[in-house]
């Protein structure tokens, strides 16, 4: 199992929100949300948000899913969240029959490094065009100012 995100302390609101998302994931699998329960909710990966990339959190849980007919099943869950401007946004969730399958997903998700998108050629063109137009306007204004000052001094 991957090391848990131990240096980070999450607020009560984060824990409640993640627990609600986990229960929704169980309900999407056609288990009764009122009778099912989330157990052992824990963060397993945490990447801080910085100036170049959004943050990322991966949470695991076990749940006891209860179907409408009363059948009970142990479910292993995984949820990925993006941290965007300080807000927790769900990206994807998965429910698995066994823990080893979930572990393979954890390794894949935590190995992926979020890289900033490269600027496209069209964007570079418009950035350069803006810089050149500002420079030309500045030069035109400076020439007009110099002409005005030269005329007024005569």
N, C-alpha and C. Protein backbone atom coordinates (compact mmCIF):
# COMPACT_ATOMS: atom_id res chain seq x y z
N UNK A 1 0.84 -1.17 0.00
CA UNK A 1 0.00 0.00 0.00
C UNK A 1 0.88 1.24 0.00
N UNK A 2 0.44 2.27 -0.67
CA UNK A 2 1.21 3.51 -0.73
C UNK A 2 1.18 4.21 0.62
N UNK A 3 2.20 5.01 0.91
CA UNK A 3 2.19 5.72 2.19
C UNK A 3 1.05 6.73 2.24
N UNK A 4 0.50 6.89 3.42
CA UNK A 4 -0.61 7.82 3.56
C UNK A 4 -0.09 9.25 3.58
N UNK A 5 -0.96 10.19 3.29
CA UNK A 5 -0.59 11.61 3.25
C UNK A 5 -0.57 12.14 4.68
N UNK A 6 0.42 11.73 5.48
CA UNK A 6 0.42 12.04 6.89
C UNK A 6 0.77 13.47 7.26
N UNK A 7 1.61 14.23 6.52
CA UNK A 7 1.92 15.57 7.01
C UNK A 7 0.79 16.58 6.84
N UNK A 8 -0.24 16.24 6.12
CA UNK A 8 -1.33 17.17 5.84
C UNK A 8 -2.50 16.87 6.77
N UNK A 9 -3.01 17.90 7.39
CA UNK A 9 -4.19 17.76 8.24
C UNK A 9 -5.38 18.37 7.51
N UNK A 10 -6.38 17.56 7.26
CA UNK A 10 -7.55 18.01 6.52
C UNK A 10 -8.63 18.49 7.49
N UNK A 11 -9.36 19.50 7.06
CA UNK A 11 -10.42 20.05 7.90
C UNK A 11 -11.61 19.09 7.97
N UNK A 12 -12.47 19.36 8.91
CA UNK A 12 -13.66 18.54 9.09
C UNK A 12 -14.55 18.61 7.84
N UNK A 13 -14.62 19.79 7.21
CA UNK A 13 -15.44 19.95 6.01
C UNK A 13 -14.91 19.07 4.86
N UNK A 14 -13.59 18.97 4.75
CA UNK A 14 -13.00 18.12 3.70
C UNK A 14 -13.38 16.67 3.96
N UNK A 15 -13.23 16.21 5.20
CA UNK A 15 -13.58 14.82 5.54
C UNK A 15 -15.05 14.55 5.24
N UNK A 16 -15.93 15.50 5.59
CA UNK A 16 -17.36 15.30 5.34
C UNK A 16 -17.66 15.27 3.85
N UNK A 17 -17.03 16.18 3.10
CA UNK A 17 -17.27 16.21 1.65
C UNK A 17 -16.80 14.92 0.99
N UNK A 18 -15.61 14.45 1.37
CA UNK A 18 -15.09 13.22 0.77
C UNK A 18 -15.97 12.03 1.15
N UNK A 19 -16.45 11.99 2.38
CA UNK A 19 -17.34 10.90 2.81
C UNK A 19 -18.64 10.92 2.00
N UNK A 20 -19.17 12.12 1.73
CA UNK A 20 -20.39 12.23 0.92
C UNK A 20 -20.15 11.75 -0.51
N UNK A 21 -19.00 12.12 -1.09
CA UNK A 21 -18.68 11.66 -2.44
C UNK A 21 -18.54 10.13 -2.47
N UNK A 22 -17.95 9.57 -1.42
CA UNK A 22 -17.80 8.12 -1.35
C UNK A 22 -19.16 7.44 -1.28
N UNK A 23 -20.06 7.98 -0.49
CA UNK A 23 -21.40 7.40 -0.38
C UNK A 23 -22.15 7.51 -1.71
N UNK A 24 -21.95 8.61 -2.41
CA UNK A 24 -22.58 8.75 -3.74
C UNK A 24 -22.03 7.72 -4.72
N UNK A 25 -20.72 7.45 -4.63
CA UNK A 25 -20.12 6.44 -5.51
C UNK A 25 -20.73 5.07 -5.23
N UNK A 26 -20.95 4.75 -3.97
CA UNK A 26 -21.56 3.48 -3.60
C UNK A 26 -23.01 3.43 -4.11
N UNK A 27 -23.72 4.54 -3.99
CA UNK A 27 -25.12 4.59 -4.45
C UNK A 27 -25.20 4.43 -5.96
N UNK A 28 -24.22 4.94 -6.70
CA UNK A 28 -24.22 4.78 -8.17
C UNK A 28 -24.06 3.32 -8.56
N UNK A 29 -23.51 2.52 -7.68
CA UNK A 29 -23.32 1.10 -7.95
C UNK A 29 -24.57 0.30 -7.57
N UNK A 30 -25.67 1.00 -7.37
CA UNK A 30 -26.99 0.42 -7.09
C UNK A 30 -27.07 -0.22 -5.71
N UNK A 31 -26.35 0.36 -4.75
CA UNK A 31 -26.51 -0.02 -3.36
C UNK A 31 -27.34 1.06 -2.68
N UNK A 32 -28.04 0.69 -1.65
CA UNK A 32 -28.91 1.61 -0.92
C UNK A 32 -28.04 2.58 -0.10
N UNK A 33 -28.12 3.90 -0.37
CA UNK A 33 -27.28 4.84 0.37
C UNK A 33 -27.65 4.96 1.85
N UNK A 34 -28.90 4.68 2.20
CA UNK A 34 -29.32 4.77 3.60
C UNK A 34 -28.81 3.59 4.42
N UNK A 35 -28.70 2.43 3.81
CA UNK A 35 -28.30 1.22 4.54
C UNK A 35 -26.82 0.91 4.38
N UNK A 36 -26.17 1.45 3.37
CA UNK A 36 -24.73 1.23 3.17
C UNK A 36 -23.96 2.18 4.05
N UNK A 37 -22.72 1.81 4.36
CA UNK A 37 -21.90 2.70 5.18
C UNK A 37 -20.45 2.68 4.70
N UNK A 38 -19.81 3.83 4.88
CA UNK A 38 -18.42 4.01 4.50
C UNK A 38 -17.55 3.70 5.71
N UNK A 39 -16.53 2.91 5.50
CA UNK A 39 -15.61 2.57 6.58
C UNK A 39 -14.19 2.86 6.12
N UNK A 40 -13.35 3.24 7.05
CA UNK A 40 -11.91 3.37 6.82
C UNK A 40 -11.59 4.32 5.67
N UNK A 41 -12.10 5.51 5.72
CA UNK A 41 -11.82 6.56 4.73
C UNK A 41 -10.46 7.17 5.05
N UNK A 42 -9.58 7.25 4.03
CA UNK A 42 -8.23 7.76 4.28
C UNK A 42 -7.62 8.32 3.00
N UNK A 43 -6.80 9.38 3.15
CA UNK A 43 -6.05 9.91 2.00
C UNK A 43 -4.80 9.07 1.77
N UNK A 44 -4.48 8.80 0.51
CA UNK A 44 -3.28 8.02 0.20
C UNK A 44 -2.29 8.79 -0.67
N UNK A 45 -2.72 9.91 -1.25
CA UNK A 45 -1.82 10.71 -2.08
C UNK A 45 -2.28 12.15 -2.00
N UNK A 46 -1.29 13.05 -1.86
CA UNK A 46 -1.61 14.47 -1.80
C UNK A 46 -0.53 15.24 -2.51
N UNK A 47 -0.94 16.05 -3.48
CA UNK A 47 -0.03 16.93 -4.21
C UNK A 47 -0.58 18.35 -4.06
N UNK A 48 0.25 19.23 -3.51
CA UNK A 48 -0.17 20.62 -3.29
C UNK A 48 -0.44 21.33 -4.61
N UNK A 49 -1.34 22.27 -4.58
CA UNK A 49 -1.59 23.15 -5.72
C UNK A 49 -0.48 24.21 -5.73
N UNK A 50 0.03 24.52 -6.92
CA UNK A 50 1.03 25.59 -7.02
C UNK A 50 0.65 26.53 -8.16
N UNK A 51 1.54 27.43 -8.50
CA UNK A 51 1.24 28.44 -9.52
C UNK A 51 1.12 27.84 -10.92
N UNK A 52 1.73 26.68 -11.15
CA UNK A 52 1.74 26.10 -12.49
C UNK A 52 0.76 24.95 -12.69
N UNK A 53 0.31 24.34 -11.60
CA UNK A 53 -0.56 23.17 -11.75
C UNK A 53 -1.54 23.08 -10.58
N UNK A 54 -2.69 22.47 -10.88
CA UNK A 54 -3.66 22.21 -9.83
C UNK A 54 -3.13 21.11 -8.92
N UNK A 55 -3.66 21.04 -7.72
CA UNK A 55 -3.28 19.99 -6.79
C UNK A 55 -4.08 18.73 -7.07
N UNK A 56 -3.73 17.69 -6.31
CA UNK A 56 -4.37 16.39 -6.54
C UNK A 56 -4.43 15.63 -5.22
N UNK A 57 -5.55 14.98 -4.98
CA UNK A 57 -5.71 14.11 -3.81
C UNK A 57 -6.31 12.80 -4.25
N UNK A 58 -5.82 11.72 -3.66
CA UNK A 58 -6.41 10.40 -3.90
C UNK A 58 -6.80 9.85 -2.53
N UNK A 59 -8.06 9.43 -2.43
CA UNK A 59 -8.60 8.90 -1.18
C UNK A 59 -9.06 7.47 -1.42
N UNK A 60 -8.90 6.62 -0.40
CA UNK A 60 -9.39 5.25 -0.44
C UNK A 60 -10.41 5.05 0.67
N UNK A 61 -11.26 4.07 0.46
CA UNK A 61 -12.21 3.71 1.50
C UNK A 61 -12.67 2.27 1.28
N UNK A 62 -13.17 1.70 2.33
CA UNK A 62 -13.88 0.45 2.25
C UNK A 62 -15.32 0.77 2.61
N UNK A 63 -16.24 0.08 1.99
CA UNK A 63 -17.66 0.31 2.27
C UNK A 63 -18.37 -1.02 2.37
N UNK A 64 -19.38 -1.04 3.20
CA UNK A 64 -20.27 -2.19 3.26
C UNK A 64 -21.51 -1.79 2.48
N UNK A 65 -21.60 -2.28 1.26
CA UNK A 65 -22.74 -1.97 0.41
C UNK A 65 -23.88 -2.93 0.67
N UNK A 66 -25.08 -2.39 0.82
CA UNK A 66 -26.26 -3.20 1.06
C UNK A 66 -27.24 -2.93 -0.08
N UNK A 67 -27.60 -3.97 -0.80
CA UNK A 67 -28.53 -3.80 -1.91
C UNK A 67 -29.95 -3.68 -1.39
N UNK A 68 -30.88 -3.35 -2.28
CA UNK A 68 -32.28 -3.21 -1.89
C UNK A 68 -32.85 -4.54 -1.39
N UNK A 69 -32.29 -5.65 -1.87
CA UNK A 69 -32.76 -6.97 -1.42
C UNK A 69 -32.11 -7.40 -0.10
N UNK A 70 -31.18 -6.61 0.43
CA UNK A 70 -30.55 -6.92 1.72
C UNK A 70 -29.21 -7.62 1.59
N UNK A 71 -28.75 -7.87 0.38
CA UNK A 71 -27.45 -8.52 0.18
C UNK A 71 -26.34 -7.57 0.55
N UNK A 72 -25.36 -8.03 1.33
CA UNK A 72 -24.23 -7.20 1.77
C UNK A 72 -22.99 -7.58 0.98
N UNK A 73 -22.18 -6.55 0.66
CA UNK A 73 -20.95 -6.80 -0.08
C UNK A 73 -19.90 -5.79 0.36
N UNK A 74 -18.69 -6.26 0.59
CA UNK A 74 -17.58 -5.38 0.92
C UNK A 74 -17.04 -4.80 -0.38
N UNK A 75 -16.92 -3.49 -0.42
CA UNK A 75 -16.48 -2.78 -1.62
C UNK A 75 -15.23 -1.99 -1.29
N UNK A 76 -14.27 -1.99 -2.20
CA UNK A 76 -13.04 -1.21 -2.05
C UNK A 76 -13.14 -0.03 -3.00
N UNK A 77 -13.09 1.18 -2.45
CA UNK A 77 -13.30 2.38 -3.25
C UNK A 77 -12.06 3.24 -3.37
N UNK A 78 -12.04 4.03 -4.42
CA UNK A 78 -10.95 4.95 -4.72
C UNK A 78 -11.56 6.20 -5.33
N UNK A 79 -11.11 7.37 -4.86
CA UNK A 79 -11.61 8.63 -5.41
C UNK A 79 -10.43 9.55 -5.68
N UNK A 80 -10.48 10.23 -6.80
CA UNK A 80 -9.46 11.22 -7.15
C UNK A 80 -10.11 12.59 -7.17
N UNK A 81 -9.44 13.55 -6.55
CA UNK A 81 -9.93 14.92 -6.50
C UNK A 81 -8.85 15.85 -7.04
N UNK A 82 -9.29 16.92 -7.67
CA UNK A 82 -8.40 17.98 -8.11
C UNK A 82 -8.60 19.17 -7.17
N UNK A 83 -7.50 19.79 -6.80
CA UNK A 83 -7.58 21.00 -5.97
C UNK A 83 -7.40 22.17 -6.92
N UNK A 84 -8.49 22.92 -7.13
CA UNK A 84 -8.48 24.03 -8.08
C UNK A 84 -8.84 25.30 -7.34
N UNK A 85 -7.86 26.17 -7.22
CA UNK A 85 -8.03 27.45 -6.52
C UNK A 85 -8.53 27.24 -5.10
N UNK A 86 -8.01 26.21 -4.44
CA UNK A 86 -8.36 25.92 -3.07
C UNK A 86 -9.63 25.11 -2.89
N UNK A 87 -10.32 24.78 -3.96
CA UNK A 87 -11.56 24.01 -3.88
C UNK A 87 -11.32 22.56 -4.30
N UNK A 88 -11.98 21.64 -3.65
CA UNK A 88 -11.87 20.22 -3.92
C UNK A 88 -12.89 19.84 -4.98
N UNK A 89 -12.42 19.41 -6.14
CA UNK A 89 -13.30 19.05 -7.25
C UNK A 89 -13.13 17.57 -7.56
N UNK A 90 -14.22 16.77 -7.56
CA UNK A 90 -14.08 15.35 -7.88
C UNK A 90 -13.71 15.14 -9.34
N UNK A 91 -12.78 14.24 -9.58
CA UNK A 91 -12.34 13.93 -10.94
C UNK A 91 -12.91 12.58 -11.37
N UNK A 92 -12.65 11.56 -10.56
CA UNK A 92 -13.16 10.23 -10.86
C UNK A 92 -13.22 9.40 -9.60
N UNK A 93 -14.01 8.35 -9.68
CA UNK A 93 -14.09 7.42 -8.56
C UNK A 93 -14.22 6.02 -9.14
N UNK A 94 -13.82 5.05 -8.33
CA UNK A 94 -13.91 3.67 -8.77
C UNK A 94 -14.21 2.76 -7.60
N UNK A 95 -14.98 1.74 -7.85
CA UNK A 95 -15.29 0.73 -6.85
C UNK A 95 -14.78 -0.61 -7.36
N UNK A 96 -14.12 -1.35 -6.48
CA UNK A 96 -13.46 -2.58 -6.89
C UNK A 96 -13.90 -3.73 -5.99
N UNK A 97 -13.81 -4.93 -6.55
CA UNK A 97 -14.18 -6.14 -5.82
C UNK A 97 -13.11 -6.55 -4.81
N UNK A 98 -11.84 -6.29 -5.14
CA UNK A 98 -10.77 -6.66 -4.20
C UNK A 98 -9.75 -5.53 -4.08
N UNK A 99 -8.98 -5.57 -3.00
CA UNK A 99 -8.04 -4.49 -2.67
C UNK A 99 -6.86 -4.44 -3.64
N UNK A 100 -6.46 -5.58 -4.18
CA UNK A 100 -5.29 -5.57 -5.08
C UNK A 100 -5.58 -4.82 -6.37
N UNK A 101 -6.79 -4.94 -6.87
CA UNK A 101 -7.17 -4.20 -8.08
C UNK A 101 -7.15 -2.69 -7.81
N UNK A 102 -7.64 -2.30 -6.64
CA UNK A 102 -7.61 -0.89 -6.27
C UNK A 102 -6.18 -0.40 -6.14
N UNK A 103 -5.29 -1.21 -5.59
CA UNK A 103 -3.89 -0.82 -5.42
C UNK A 103 -3.22 -0.53 -6.77
N UNK A 104 -3.56 -1.30 -7.78
CA UNK A 104 -2.99 -1.05 -9.12
C UNK A 104 -3.42 0.33 -9.62
N UNK A 105 -4.69 0.69 -9.38
CA UNK A 105 -5.17 2.01 -9.78
C UNK A 105 -4.47 3.12 -9.00
N UNK A 106 -4.24 2.91 -7.72
CA UNK A 106 -3.56 3.92 -6.90
C UNK A 106 -2.17 4.18 -7.45
N UNK A 107 -1.46 3.13 -7.80
CA UNK A 107 -0.11 3.29 -8.34
C UNK A 107 -0.15 4.07 -9.65
N UNK A 108 -1.10 3.75 -10.51
CA UNK A 108 -1.22 4.46 -11.79
C UNK A 108 -1.56 5.93 -11.59
N UNK A 109 -2.51 6.22 -10.70
CA UNK A 109 -2.93 7.60 -10.50
C UNK A 109 -1.87 8.44 -9.80
N UNK A 110 -1.17 7.87 -8.84
CA UNK A 110 -0.18 8.65 -8.11
C UNK A 110 1.11 8.80 -8.91
N UNK A 111 1.37 7.92 -9.87
CA UNK A 111 2.57 8.03 -10.69
C UNK A 111 2.43 9.13 -11.74
N UNK A 112 1.21 9.46 -12.11
CA UNK A 112 0.98 10.49 -13.12
C UNK A 112 1.30 11.85 -12.53
N UNK A 113 2.21 12.55 -13.13
CA UNK A 113 2.57 13.90 -12.69
C UNK A 113 1.82 14.91 -13.54
N UNK A 114 1.16 15.81 -12.90
CA UNK A 114 0.45 16.86 -13.62
C UNK A 114 1.47 17.86 -14.16
N UNK A 115 1.51 18.00 -15.48
CA UNK A 115 2.43 18.94 -16.10
C UNK A 115 1.62 20.09 -16.68
N UNK A 116 2.15 21.29 -16.60
CA UNK A 116 1.42 22.41 -17.18
C UNK A 116 1.34 22.25 -18.70
N UNK A 117 0.23 22.69 -19.23
CA UNK A 117 0.05 22.58 -20.67
C UNK A 117 1.02 23.49 -21.38
N UNK A 118 1.53 23.00 -22.49
CA UNK A 118 2.44 23.83 -23.28
C UNK A 118 1.62 24.83 -24.08
N UNK A 119 2.19 25.98 -24.26
CA UNK A 119 1.49 27.02 -25.00
C UNK A 119 1.48 26.65 -26.48
N UNK A 120 0.33 26.75 -27.09
CA UNK A 120 0.21 26.40 -28.50
C UNK A 120 0.82 27.49 -29.37
N UNK A 121 1.05 27.16 -30.63
CA UNK A 121 1.63 28.10 -31.57
C UNK A 121 0.76 29.33 -31.78
N UNK A 122 -0.55 29.14 -31.83
CA UNK A 122 -1.46 30.27 -32.02
C UNK A 122 -1.40 31.22 -30.82
N UNK A 123 -1.32 30.67 -29.64
CA UNK A 123 -1.24 31.51 -28.44
C UNK A 123 0.06 32.30 -28.44
N UNK A 124 1.16 31.66 -28.79
CA UNK A 124 2.45 32.36 -28.86
C UNK A 124 2.38 33.50 -29.88
N UNK A 125 1.74 33.24 -31.03
CA UNK A 125 1.61 34.28 -32.04
C UNK A 125 0.88 35.50 -31.49
N UNK A 126 -0.26 35.28 -30.81
CA UNK A 126 -1.04 36.40 -30.29
C UNK A 126 -0.32 37.13 -29.17
N UNK A 127 0.46 36.42 -28.38
CA UNK A 127 1.25 37.08 -27.34
C UNK A 127 2.30 37.99 -27.97
N UNK A 128 3.02 37.47 -28.96
CA UNK A 128 4.02 38.29 -29.64
C UNK A 128 3.38 39.46 -30.38
N UNK A 129 2.22 39.22 -31.02
CA UNK A 129 1.53 40.30 -31.73
C UNK A 129 1.12 41.40 -30.76
N UNK A 130 0.66 41.04 -29.59
CA UNK A 130 0.29 42.04 -28.59
C UNK A 130 1.50 42.83 -28.14
N UNK A 131 2.61 42.15 -27.87
CA UNK A 131 3.84 42.85 -27.45
C UNK A 131 4.34 43.81 -28.54
N UNK A 132 4.32 43.36 -29.77
CA UNK A 132 4.78 44.21 -30.88
C UNK A 132 3.87 45.41 -31.05
N UNK A 133 2.54 45.18 -30.95
CA UNK A 133 1.62 46.32 -31.12
C UNK A 133 1.78 47.32 -29.98
N UNK A 134 2.01 46.87 -28.77
CA UNK A 134 2.25 47.79 -27.66
C UNK A 134 3.55 48.56 -27.88
N UNK A 135 4.58 47.87 -28.37
CA UNK A 135 5.85 48.54 -28.63
C UNK A 135 5.69 49.59 -29.74
N UNK A 136 4.98 49.26 -30.81
CA UNK A 136 4.77 50.20 -31.91
C UNK A 136 3.94 51.40 -31.45
N UNK A 137 2.90 51.15 -30.68
CA UNK A 137 2.10 52.25 -30.15
C UNK A 137 2.93 53.15 -29.24
N UNK A 138 3.77 52.54 -28.42
CA UNK A 138 4.65 53.32 -27.54
C UNK A 138 5.63 54.16 -28.32
N UNK A 139 6.20 53.58 -29.36
CA UNK A 139 7.14 54.33 -30.20
C UNK A 139 6.43 55.47 -30.92
N UNK A 140 5.22 55.20 -31.44
CA UNK A 140 4.46 56.25 -32.11
C UNK A 140 4.12 57.39 -31.16
N UNK A 141 3.72 57.07 -29.95
CA UNK A 141 3.42 58.08 -28.95
C UNK A 141 4.67 58.88 -28.60
N UNK A 142 5.81 58.21 -28.46
CA UNK A 142 7.06 58.89 -28.14
C UNK A 142 7.49 59.83 -29.27
N UNK A 143 7.34 59.40 -30.51
CA UNK A 143 7.68 60.26 -31.66
C UNK A 143 6.76 61.47 -31.70
N UNK A 144 5.46 61.26 -31.48
CA UNK A 144 4.52 62.38 -31.46
C UNK A 144 4.84 63.35 -30.34
N UNK A 145 5.23 62.85 -29.19
CA UNK A 145 5.58 63.70 -28.07
C UNK A 145 6.84 64.51 -28.38
N UNK A 146 7.82 63.89 -28.97
CA UNK A 146 9.06 64.61 -29.32
C UNK A 146 8.76 65.69 -30.35
N UNK A 147 7.94 65.39 -31.36
CA UNK A 147 7.58 66.40 -32.37
C UNK A 147 6.84 67.57 -31.73
N UNK A 148 5.93 67.27 -30.85
CA UNK A 148 5.17 68.32 -30.16
C UNK A 148 6.11 69.21 -29.35
N UNK A 149 7.02 68.60 -28.61
CA UNK A 149 7.97 69.37 -27.80
C UNK A 149 8.90 70.20 -28.67
N UNK A 150 9.30 69.67 -29.82
CA UNK A 150 10.19 70.41 -30.72
C UNK A 150 9.46 71.62 -31.32
N UNK A 151 8.16 71.45 -31.66
CA UNK A 151 7.40 72.55 -32.23
C UNK A 151 7.12 73.63 -31.20
N UNK A 152 6.82 73.21 -29.98
CA UNK A 152 6.50 74.20 -28.95
C UNK A 152 7.74 74.96 -28.48
N UNK A 153 8.92 74.40 -28.66
CA UNK A 153 10.14 75.09 -28.22
C UNK A 153 10.58 76.11 -29.27
N UNK A 154 10.11 76.04 -30.48
CA UNK A 154 10.52 76.99 -31.51
C UNK A 154 9.81 78.26 -31.40
